[in-house]
Amino acid sequence: MSKFKFVEEYPFKTSPKVLYNYISTPGGLQQWFANNVSVDSDHNYNIEWDGGVHTASVSKRINKSAKYDFQGDDEGNSLELKLIQGELDGATYLQIIDVSDNEDEEDLRDLWDGLINELKEIVGG
């Protein structure tokens, strides 16, 4: 089964350094993205949302990105959160690259718009 790749960028009025903690740490993700996030002994993230726990290996680049490669039933799904500094306007952009079985682009846009609005309320814009 092929995966659908959803890509979107959202502008923020804060530095990549501030946003990085919200996209790469269990505590940061719990504030806007998931109900609960824990780290197991293999350094995998166990991310709880929609009544289930989804395990992902994580690769990070400090103040640049965090990529979650899901395992088990979610094998082949991934989520990459990239921080991009705008060259012209100096704004910070959060690029979402969501690879999953969900092919409904409108549904994914609504989901991410809602999550990003929550994040913007926390970081102030």
N, C-alpha and C. Protein backbone atom coordinates (compact mmCIF):
# COMPACT_ATOMS: atom_id res chain seq x y z
N MET A 1 0.85 -1.18 0.00
CA MET A 1 0.00 0.00 0.00
C MET A 1 0.89 1.24 0.00
N SER A 2 0.60 2.17 -0.89
CA SER A 2 1.41 3.39 -0.96
C SER A 2 0.96 4.39 0.11
N LYS A 3 1.88 5.22 0.48
CA LYS A 3 1.63 6.22 1.52
C LYS A 3 1.38 7.57 0.87
N PHE A 4 0.61 8.40 1.56
CA PHE A 4 0.31 9.75 1.10
C PHE A 4 1.21 10.72 1.84
N LYS A 5 1.79 11.66 1.11
CA LYS A 5 2.71 12.63 1.71
C LYS A 5 2.04 14.00 1.72
N PHE A 6 1.79 14.50 2.94
CA PHE A 6 1.21 15.82 3.14
C PHE A 6 2.32 16.76 3.59
N VAL A 7 2.47 17.88 2.88
CA VAL A 7 3.50 18.86 3.21
C VAL A 7 2.86 20.23 3.33
N GLU A 8 3.16 20.93 4.42
CA GLU A 8 2.62 22.28 4.64
C GLU A 8 3.61 23.06 5.49
N GLU A 9 3.66 24.38 5.29
CA GLU A 9 4.51 25.26 6.10
C GLU A 9 3.65 26.27 6.83
N TYR A 10 4.03 26.53 8.07
CA TYR A 10 3.31 27.48 8.91
C TYR A 10 4.30 28.51 9.45
N PRO A 11 3.98 29.81 9.32
CA PRO A 11 4.89 30.85 9.84
C PRO A 11 4.70 31.05 11.35
N PHE A 12 5.80 31.34 12.02
CA PHE A 12 5.80 31.64 13.45
C PHE A 12 6.61 32.90 13.69
N LYS A 13 6.22 33.64 14.72
CA LYS A 13 6.95 34.86 15.11
C LYS A 13 7.80 34.56 16.33
N THR A 14 8.62 33.53 16.22
CA THR A 14 9.52 33.15 17.30
C THR A 14 10.74 32.48 16.69
N SER A 15 11.75 32.27 17.49
CA SER A 15 13.00 31.71 16.96
C SER A 15 12.92 30.19 16.84
N PRO A 16 13.74 29.61 15.96
CA PRO A 16 13.81 28.15 15.86
C PRO A 16 14.19 27.52 17.20
N LYS A 17 15.03 28.19 17.96
CA LYS A 17 15.47 27.66 19.26
C LYS A 17 14.28 27.45 20.20
N VAL A 18 13.35 28.40 20.21
CA VAL A 18 12.16 28.27 21.06
C VAL A 18 11.26 27.14 20.55
N LEU A 19 11.00 27.12 19.27
CA LEU A 19 10.11 26.10 18.70
C LEU A 19 10.67 24.69 18.79
N TYR A 20 11.97 24.57 18.72
CA TYR A 20 12.60 23.25 18.69
C TYR A 20 12.18 22.38 19.88
N ASN A 21 12.12 22.96 21.07
CA ASN A 21 11.71 22.19 22.25
C ASN A 21 10.30 21.64 22.12
N TYR A 22 9.44 22.35 21.41
CA TYR A 22 8.05 21.92 21.26
C TYR A 22 7.88 20.81 20.22
N ILE A 23 8.86 20.65 19.33
CA ILE A 23 8.75 19.62 18.29
C ILE A 23 9.63 18.40 18.57
N SER A 24 10.49 18.49 19.59
CA SER A 24 11.49 17.43 19.76
C SER A 24 11.52 16.77 21.14
N THR A 25 10.81 17.31 22.11
CA THR A 25 10.86 16.74 23.46
C THR A 25 9.49 16.20 23.86
N PRO A 26 9.47 15.17 24.71
CA PRO A 26 8.18 14.64 25.16
C PRO A 26 7.29 15.71 25.80
N GLY A 27 7.88 16.52 26.68
CA GLY A 27 7.10 17.58 27.34
C GLY A 27 6.56 18.61 26.37
N GLY A 28 7.36 18.96 25.39
CA GLY A 28 6.92 19.92 24.38
C GLY A 28 5.81 19.37 23.51
N LEU A 29 5.94 18.13 23.07
CA LEU A 29 4.91 17.51 22.22
C LEU A 29 3.59 17.35 22.97
N GLN A 30 3.67 17.05 24.26
CA GLN A 30 2.44 16.87 25.06
C GLN A 30 1.63 18.15 25.17
N GLN A 31 2.26 19.29 25.02
CA GLN A 31 1.55 20.55 25.17
C GLN A 31 0.64 20.87 23.99
N TRP A 32 0.93 20.31 22.81
CA TRP A 32 0.13 20.68 21.64
C TRP A 32 -0.19 19.53 20.69
N PHE A 33 0.56 18.46 20.75
CA PHE A 33 0.46 17.42 19.73
C PHE A 33 -0.19 16.13 20.21
N ALA A 34 0.15 15.68 21.41
CA ALA A 34 -0.29 14.37 21.89
C ALA A 34 -0.80 14.44 23.31
N ASN A 35 -1.59 13.42 23.69
CA ASN A 35 -2.10 13.34 25.06
C ASN A 35 -0.98 13.02 26.04
N ASN A 36 -0.07 12.13 25.63
CA ASN A 36 1.04 11.72 26.48
C ASN A 36 2.19 11.27 25.59
N VAL A 37 3.41 11.55 26.01
CA VAL A 37 4.61 11.10 25.29
C VAL A 37 5.62 10.62 26.32
N SER A 38 6.11 9.40 26.12
CA SER A 38 7.14 8.87 27.00
C SER A 38 8.26 8.29 26.15
N VAL A 39 9.41 8.10 26.77
CA VAL A 39 10.58 7.56 26.08
C VAL A 39 10.90 6.21 26.72
N ASP A 40 11.06 5.17 25.87
CA ASP A 40 11.37 3.84 26.42
C ASP A 40 12.89 3.64 26.52
N SER A 41 13.30 2.47 26.98
CA SER A 41 14.72 2.19 27.22
C SER A 41 15.55 2.19 25.93
N ASP A 42 14.89 2.03 24.78
CA ASP A 42 15.59 2.07 23.48
C ASP A 42 15.59 3.48 22.88
N HIS A 43 15.14 4.46 23.66
CA HIS A 43 15.07 5.87 23.25
C HIS A 43 14.00 6.11 22.18
N ASN A 44 13.05 5.19 22.04
CA ASN A 44 11.91 5.40 21.15
C ASN A 44 10.87 6.23 21.89
N TYR A 45 10.12 7.02 21.14
CA TYR A 45 9.04 7.79 21.72
C TYR A 45 7.75 6.99 21.61
N ASN A 46 7.01 6.91 22.71
CA ASN A 46 5.68 6.31 22.73
C ASN A 46 4.70 7.46 22.80
N ILE A 47 4.00 7.70 21.69
CA ILE A 47 3.16 8.88 21.54
C ILE A 47 1.70 8.44 21.57
N GLU A 48 0.95 9.00 22.52
CA GLU A 48 -0.46 8.62 22.70
C GLU A 48 -1.38 9.67 22.10
N TRP A 49 -2.23 9.24 21.17
CA TRP A 49 -3.30 10.09 20.65
C TRP A 49 -4.38 9.20 20.07
N ASP A 50 -5.59 9.72 19.98
CA ASP A 50 -6.75 8.98 19.45
C ASP A 50 -6.93 7.61 20.11
N GLY A 51 -6.67 7.53 21.41
CA GLY A 51 -6.90 6.31 22.16
C GLY A 51 -5.88 5.21 21.93
N GLY A 52 -4.80 5.47 21.20
CA GLY A 52 -3.77 4.47 20.96
C GLY A 52 -2.39 5.02 21.23
N VAL A 53 -1.43 4.10 21.38
CA VAL A 53 -0.04 4.49 21.58
C VAL A 53 0.72 4.10 20.32
N HIS A 54 1.46 5.05 19.78
CA HIS A 54 2.21 4.87 18.54
C HIS A 54 3.70 5.05 18.87
N THR A 55 4.50 4.03 18.56
CA THR A 55 5.93 4.05 18.87
C THR A 55 6.71 4.52 17.66
N ALA A 56 7.68 5.40 17.91
CA ALA A 56 8.49 5.94 16.82
C ALA A 56 9.94 6.09 17.24
N SER A 57 10.84 5.77 16.31
CA SER A 57 12.24 6.12 16.51
C SER A 57 12.37 7.58 16.11
N VAL A 58 13.30 8.27 16.74
CA VAL A 58 13.41 9.71 16.53
C VAL A 58 14.82 10.06 16.09
N SER A 59 14.91 10.91 15.07
CA SER A 59 16.19 11.49 14.69
C SER A 59 16.04 12.99 14.73
N LYS A 60 17.02 13.66 15.35
CA LYS A 60 16.92 15.10 15.57
C LYS A 60 18.16 15.82 15.05
N ARG A 61 17.93 17.05 14.62
CA ARG A 61 19.01 18.00 14.33
C ARG A 61 18.72 19.23 15.17
N ILE A 62 19.60 19.54 16.10
CA ILE A 62 19.35 20.61 17.09
C ILE A 62 18.95 21.91 16.39
N ASN A 63 17.81 22.45 16.86
CA ASN A 63 17.23 23.71 16.37
C ASN A 63 16.90 23.68 14.87
N LYS A 64 16.83 22.48 14.27
CA LYS A 64 16.53 22.34 12.84
C LYS A 64 15.34 21.43 12.56
N SER A 65 15.33 20.21 13.14
CA SER A 65 14.27 19.27 12.79
C SER A 65 14.18 18.11 13.77
N ALA A 66 13.04 17.44 13.71
CA ALA A 66 12.81 16.19 14.42
C ALA A 66 11.99 15.30 13.49
N LYS A 67 12.46 14.07 13.29
CA LYS A 67 11.74 13.15 12.41
C LYS A 67 11.38 11.90 13.21
N TYR A 68 10.11 11.52 13.11
CA TYR A 68 9.57 10.38 13.82
C TYR A 68 9.22 9.30 12.79
N ASP A 69 9.91 8.16 12.86
CA ASP A 69 9.63 7.02 12.00
C ASP A 69 8.88 5.99 12.84
N PHE A 70 7.61 5.77 12.48
CA PHE A 70 6.75 4.93 13.29
C PHE A 70 7.00 3.45 13.03
N GLN A 71 6.73 2.65 14.06
CA GLN A 71 7.01 1.22 14.04
C GLN A 71 5.73 0.43 14.25
N GLY A 72 5.83 -0.90 14.17
CA GLY A 72 4.70 -1.78 14.42
C GLY A 72 3.62 -1.62 13.36
N ASP A 73 2.37 -1.47 13.80
CA ASP A 73 1.24 -1.32 12.88
C ASP A 73 1.37 -0.07 12.02
N ASP A 74 2.15 0.91 12.48
CA ASP A 74 2.32 2.18 11.77
C ASP A 74 3.58 2.19 10.90
N GLU A 75 4.21 1.04 10.72
CA GLU A 75 5.45 0.93 9.93
C GLU A 75 5.28 1.60 8.57
N GLY A 76 6.25 2.41 8.20
CA GLY A 76 6.19 3.13 6.92
C GLY A 76 5.63 4.54 7.05
N ASN A 77 4.97 4.82 8.17
CA ASN A 77 4.47 6.18 8.42
C ASN A 77 5.58 6.98 9.08
N SER A 78 5.62 8.27 8.77
CA SER A 78 6.61 9.13 9.42
C SER A 78 6.06 10.54 9.54
N LEU A 79 6.69 11.28 10.42
CA LEU A 79 6.35 12.68 10.61
C LEU A 79 7.66 13.43 10.79
N GLU A 80 7.88 14.41 9.91
CA GLU A 80 9.07 15.24 10.04
C GLU A 80 8.62 16.67 10.28
N LEU A 81 9.20 17.27 11.30
CA LEU A 81 8.91 18.65 11.67
C LEU A 81 10.21 19.44 11.48
N LYS A 82 10.23 20.31 10.46
CA LYS A 82 11.44 21.06 10.12
C LYS A 82 11.26 22.54 10.42
N LEU A 83 12.30 23.15 10.95
CA LEU A 83 12.31 24.58 11.21
C LEU A 83 13.13 25.25 10.12
N ILE A 84 12.50 26.21 9.44
CA ILE A 84 13.15 26.90 8.33
C ILE A 84 13.14 28.40 8.63
N GLN A 85 14.28 29.03 8.50
CA GLN A 85 14.39 30.48 8.71
C GLN A 85 14.18 31.16 7.36
N GLY A 86 13.17 32.03 7.27
CA GLY A 86 12.90 32.75 6.03
C GLY A 86 14.01 33.75 5.74
N GLU A 87 14.56 33.68 4.53
CA GLU A 87 15.67 34.57 4.18
C GLU A 87 15.21 36.01 3.98
N LEU A 88 14.03 36.19 3.41
CA LEU A 88 13.55 37.54 3.13
C LEU A 88 12.90 38.21 4.33
N ASP A 89 12.05 37.47 5.02
CA ASP A 89 11.29 38.09 6.11
C ASP A 89 11.83 37.78 7.50
N GLY A 90 12.79 36.85 7.60
CA GLY A 90 13.36 36.52 8.90
C GLY A 90 12.44 35.70 9.79
N ALA A 91 11.27 35.36 9.29
CA ALA A 91 10.32 34.57 10.07
C ALA A 91 10.81 33.12 10.17
N THR A 92 10.29 32.43 11.16
CA THR A 92 10.56 31.01 11.31
C THR A 92 9.35 30.26 10.76
N TYR A 93 9.60 29.26 9.94
CA TYR A 93 8.53 28.44 9.38
C TYR A 93 8.68 27.02 9.91
N LEU A 94 7.54 26.44 10.31
CA LEU A 94 7.51 25.04 10.71
C LEU A 94 6.94 24.27 9.53
N GLN A 95 7.77 23.44 8.92
CA GLN A 95 7.33 22.62 7.80
C GLN A 95 6.93 21.25 8.33
N ILE A 96 5.73 20.82 7.98
CA ILE A 96 5.19 19.53 8.37
C ILE A 96 5.30 18.60 7.17
N ILE A 97 5.92 17.45 7.35
CA ILE A 97 5.94 16.42 6.31
C ILE A 97 5.35 15.16 6.96
N ASP A 98 4.09 14.90 6.66
CA ASP A 98 3.31 13.83 7.28
C ASP A 98 3.09 12.74 6.23
N VAL A 99 3.72 11.59 6.44
CA VAL A 99 3.58 10.46 5.51
C VAL A 99 2.77 9.38 6.21
N SER A 100 1.58 9.09 5.66
CA SER A 100 0.69 8.13 6.32
C SER A 100 -0.27 7.50 5.33
N ASP A 101 -1.19 6.69 5.85
CA ASP A 101 -2.23 6.05 5.04
C ASP A 101 -3.38 7.00 4.73
N ASN A 102 -3.48 8.10 5.47
CA ASN A 102 -4.57 9.05 5.27
C ASN A 102 -4.34 9.84 3.98
N GLU A 103 -5.22 9.65 3.00
CA GLU A 103 -5.09 10.33 1.71
C GLU A 103 -6.02 11.53 1.57
N ASP A 104 -6.74 11.86 2.64
CA ASP A 104 -7.69 12.97 2.60
C ASP A 104 -6.95 14.27 2.95
N GLU A 105 -6.53 14.99 1.91
CA GLU A 105 -5.72 16.20 2.12
C GLU A 105 -6.46 17.25 2.93
N GLU A 106 -7.76 17.39 2.70
CA GLU A 106 -8.54 18.38 3.45
C GLU A 106 -8.59 18.02 4.94
N ASP A 107 -8.77 16.74 5.23
CA ASP A 107 -8.80 16.27 6.61
C ASP A 107 -7.45 16.53 7.28
N LEU A 108 -6.36 16.23 6.57
CA LEU A 108 -5.03 16.46 7.12
C LEU A 108 -4.76 17.95 7.34
N ARG A 109 -5.19 18.78 6.40
CA ARG A 109 -5.00 20.23 6.55
C ARG A 109 -5.77 20.74 7.77
N ASP A 110 -7.01 20.29 7.94
CA ASP A 110 -7.80 20.70 9.12
C ASP A 110 -7.12 20.24 10.41
N LEU A 111 -6.62 19.01 10.42
CA LEU A 111 -5.94 18.48 11.60
C LEU A 111 -4.72 19.33 11.94
N TRP A 112 -3.86 19.56 10.95
CA TRP A 112 -2.63 20.32 11.21
C TRP A 112 -2.91 21.79 11.50
N ASP A 113 -3.88 22.38 10.83
CA ASP A 113 -4.25 23.78 11.15
C ASP A 113 -4.64 23.91 12.61
N GLY A 114 -5.43 22.95 13.12
CA GLY A 114 -5.84 22.97 14.52
C GLY A 114 -4.68 22.78 15.47
N LEU A 115 -3.81 21.82 15.16
CA LEU A 115 -2.64 21.58 16.02
C LEU A 115 -1.71 22.78 16.03
N ILE A 116 -1.47 23.37 14.87
CA ILE A 116 -0.57 24.52 14.78
C ILE A 116 -1.17 25.73 15.50
N ASN A 117 -2.49 25.91 15.44
CA ASN A 117 -3.12 27.00 16.18
C ASN A 117 -2.89 26.84 17.67
N GLU A 118 -2.96 25.59 18.17
CA GLU A 118 -2.67 25.33 19.59
C GLU A 118 -1.23 25.69 19.92
N LEU A 119 -0.30 25.29 19.05
CA LEU A 119 1.11 25.60 19.26
C LEU A 119 1.35 27.10 19.25
N LYS A 120 0.69 27.81 18.33
CA LYS A 120 0.87 29.26 18.26
C LYS A 120 0.36 29.95 19.51
N GLU A 121 -0.72 29.43 20.11
CA GLU A 121 -1.23 30.01 21.36
C GLU A 121 -0.20 29.86 22.47
N ILE A 122 0.52 28.74 22.47
CA ILE A 122 1.51 28.48 23.53
C ILE A 122 2.73 29.38 23.36
N VAL A 123 3.25 29.47 22.12
CA VAL A 123 4.50 30.20 21.90
C VAL A 123 4.27 31.66 21.56
N GLY A 124 3.03 32.04 21.39
CA GLY A 124 2.73 33.45 21.12
C GLY A 124 2.88 33.85 19.66
N GLY A 125 2.55 32.95 18.77
CA GLY A 125 2.45 33.40 17.42
C GLY A 125 3.23 32.79 16.37
